[in-house]
Structure formats: structure tokens, C-alpha cells
Amino acid sequence: MNRSRIEVENMSAYHQIQIPKNPVRRINVFYSLSEGVVVAVDIESRSRKGLLHYTRVILDPRSKRITNYSCDCEGFTFRRKCWHVEYVKETINRKEINERIEEEAKKLLEIEDEIANWG
């Protein structure tokens, strides 16, 4: 199936139109005692306008390493891999998000230390 250069360029232009410029609609950073620091993001679907996918990346509060992630899109459901999760992983490295992660990790570690001192 050989496509002409014009067809390929037109397909590229079509796909560029379909991708939202800023697909993130909401970012929430919080801690969960049972999981760690959670970065929860609502990301707009590329293929269905107006549909948001709930994507979570969970970090260890001490090392800031990713321990788990999930997304409610079909791609993640069937392949355990999607662009939404990759986008959130990249977003975590941004300064403003990283600062929020640090704040939540600090809160979580303080609570864990307090709980450890109870007994």
C-alpha cells in the first residue's frame, strides 16, 4: 500500500487537527496513605471530542519513583499502555507539578512518622 507524498501530508495534517493543543483539563495532586502521592489528571480524548479520560500516576513519597499508573481509556484497558499515561509521566517533570508533588510527599511522610510514633 504505497501512498503518495500528498496523501501522507494530508493525513498528517488531519491527525494534527485531531490532537488537542492542551489536552489536560484538570490536574490534582494529593496523597493517599495506602498508595503514596497521586497525580490525577483528566485528559481530553484525541478521537472523541468532549470525552475525558481519568489518568492516575502514583509515586513513592520518598524516592518520587512511579510505582503504579492507570487510565480509563480503551487503549490502557486492553494493552496496559496509552498516550495519556505517557503524557502524565512527562507532566510530572514540570516544575510547578514537581513542587506540588514535593508538598504532598512531605505531608504524607509527616503523617507516616506521626503514626509510627504512636506505638
Protein backbone atom coordinates (compact mmCIF):
# COMPACT_ATOMS: atom_id res chain seq x y z
CA MET A 1 0.00 0.00 0.00
CA ASN A 2 2.05 2.91 -1.30
CA ARG A 3 0.70 6.35 -0.60
CA SER A 4 1.68 9.47 -2.42
CA ARG A 5 3.52 12.21 -0.57
CA ILE A 6 0.43 14.44 -0.78
CA GLU A 7 -1.77 11.77 0.81
CA VAL A 8 0.72 11.34 3.65
CA GLU A 9 0.95 15.11 4.19
CA ASN A 10 -2.85 15.36 4.20
CA MET A 11 -3.07 12.51 6.71
CA SER A 12 -0.51 14.25 8.93
CA ALA A 13 -2.47 17.48 8.77
CA TYR A 14 -5.66 15.58 9.62
CA HIS A 15 -4.09 13.97 12.68
CA GLN A 16 -2.65 17.27 13.84
CA ILE A 17 -6.13 18.78 13.79
CA GLN A 18 -7.47 15.89 15.88
CA ILE A 19 -4.94 16.29 18.70
CA PRO A 20 -5.99 18.89 21.26
CA LYS A 21 -3.37 21.60 21.82
CA ASN A 22 -3.58 21.23 25.58
CA PRO A 23 -5.43 18.01 26.33
CA VAL A 24 -5.26 18.47 30.12
CA ARG A 25 -8.49 19.68 31.66
CA ARG A 26 -7.68 19.15 35.35
CA ILE A 27 -4.64 18.17 37.41
CA ASN A 28 -4.93 17.15 41.03
CA VAL A 29 -2.01 16.16 43.24
CA PHE A 30 -2.78 14.54 46.59
CA TYR A 31 -1.56 11.81 48.89
CA SER A 32 -3.12 8.53 49.85
CA LEU A 33 -1.78 6.66 52.87
CA SER A 34 -2.29 3.32 51.14
CA GLU A 35 -0.72 4.31 47.81
CA GLY A 36 1.58 7.33 48.00
CA VAL A 37 1.49 10.61 46.11
CA VAL A 38 -1.17 10.54 43.40
CA VAL A 39 -1.16 12.72 40.30
CA ALA A 40 -4.68 12.50 38.87
CA VAL A 41 -5.36 14.12 35.51
CA ASP A 42 -8.41 14.46 33.27
CA ILE A 43 -7.15 14.33 29.69
CA GLU A 44 -9.23 15.02 26.61
CA SER A 45 -9.59 12.17 24.13
CA ARG A 46 -7.92 12.57 20.74
CA SER A 47 -10.60 10.62 18.92
CA ARG A 48 -13.80 11.71 20.68
CA LYS A 49 -14.32 15.39 21.31
CA GLY A 50 -15.55 16.21 24.80
CA LEU A 51 -14.62 12.83 26.29
CA LEU A 52 -12.21 12.98 29.23
CA HIS A 53 -10.03 10.10 30.39
CA TYR A 54 -9.17 9.84 34.09
CA THR A 55 -5.47 9.05 34.33
CA ARG A 56 -3.51 8.42 37.55
CA VAL A 57 0.19 8.11 38.22
CA ILE A 58 1.25 7.06 41.71
CA LEU A 59 4.65 7.95 43.14
CA ASP A 60 6.58 6.68 46.12
CA PRO A 61 6.76 9.64 48.55
CA ARG A 62 10.42 9.05 49.43
CA SER A 63 12.05 8.24 46.09
CA LYS A 64 9.49 10.01 43.83
CA ARG A 65 9.63 6.96 41.56
CA ILE A 66 6.49 5.83 39.76
CA THR A 67 5.01 2.78 41.48
CA ASN A 68 1.77 2.42 39.55
CA TYR A 69 -0.37 4.08 36.90
CA SER A 70 -3.77 3.66 35.29
CA CYS A 71 -6.13 5.18 32.75
CA ASP A 72 -9.77 4.51 31.96
CA CYS A 73 -9.30 4.65 28.17
CA GLU A 74 -9.75 1.63 25.91
CA GLY A 75 -6.07 1.54 24.96
CA PHE A 76 -4.97 1.12 28.56
CA THR A 77 -7.78 -1.33 29.29
CA PHE A 78 -6.68 -3.68 26.52
CA ARG A 79 -2.93 -3.02 26.15
CA ARG A 80 -1.96 -1.57 29.56
CA LYS A 81 -0.36 1.28 27.62
CA CYS A 82 -1.68 4.61 26.33
CA TRP A 83 -0.54 8.10 25.43
CA HIS A 84 -2.48 9.58 28.37
CA VAL A 85 -0.22 7.85 30.92
CA GLU A 86 2.89 8.84 28.98
CA TYR A 87 1.68 12.45 28.89
CA VAL A 88 1.17 12.49 32.66
CA LYS A 89 4.61 10.95 33.21
CA GLU A 90 6.10 13.83 31.21
CA THR A 91 3.95 16.37 33.06
CA ILE A 92 5.33 15.19 36.41
CA ASN A 93 8.74 16.59 35.45
CA ARG A 94 7.41 20.13 35.04
CA LYS A 95 8.49 22.48 37.81
CA GLU A 96 5.03 23.53 39.04
CA ILE A 97 3.78 19.93 39.22
CA ASN A 98 7.01 18.74 40.80
CA GLU A 99 6.62 21.38 43.55
CA ARG A 100 3.09 20.15 44.28
CA ILE A 101 4.36 16.56 44.41
CA GLU A 102 7.07 17.61 46.89
CA GLU A 103 4.48 19.31 49.12
CA GLU A 104 2.19 16.28 49.16
CA ALA A 105 5.09 13.89 49.74
CA LYS A 106 6.21 15.98 52.70
CA LYS A 107 2.69 15.88 54.19
CA LEU A 108 2.47 12.14 53.70
CA LEU A 109 5.86 11.48 55.28
CA GLU A 110 4.95 13.66 58.28
CA ILE A 111 1.75 11.67 58.79
CA GLU A 112 3.60 8.36 58.44
CA ASP A 113 6.19 9.48 61.02
CA GLU A 114 3.42 10.57 63.37
CA ILE A 115 1.68 7.21 63.02
CA ALA A 116 4.97 5.39 63.62
CA ASN A 117 5.44 7.32 66.88
CA TRP A 118 2.04 6.26 68.24
CA GLY A 119 3.05 2.77 69.14
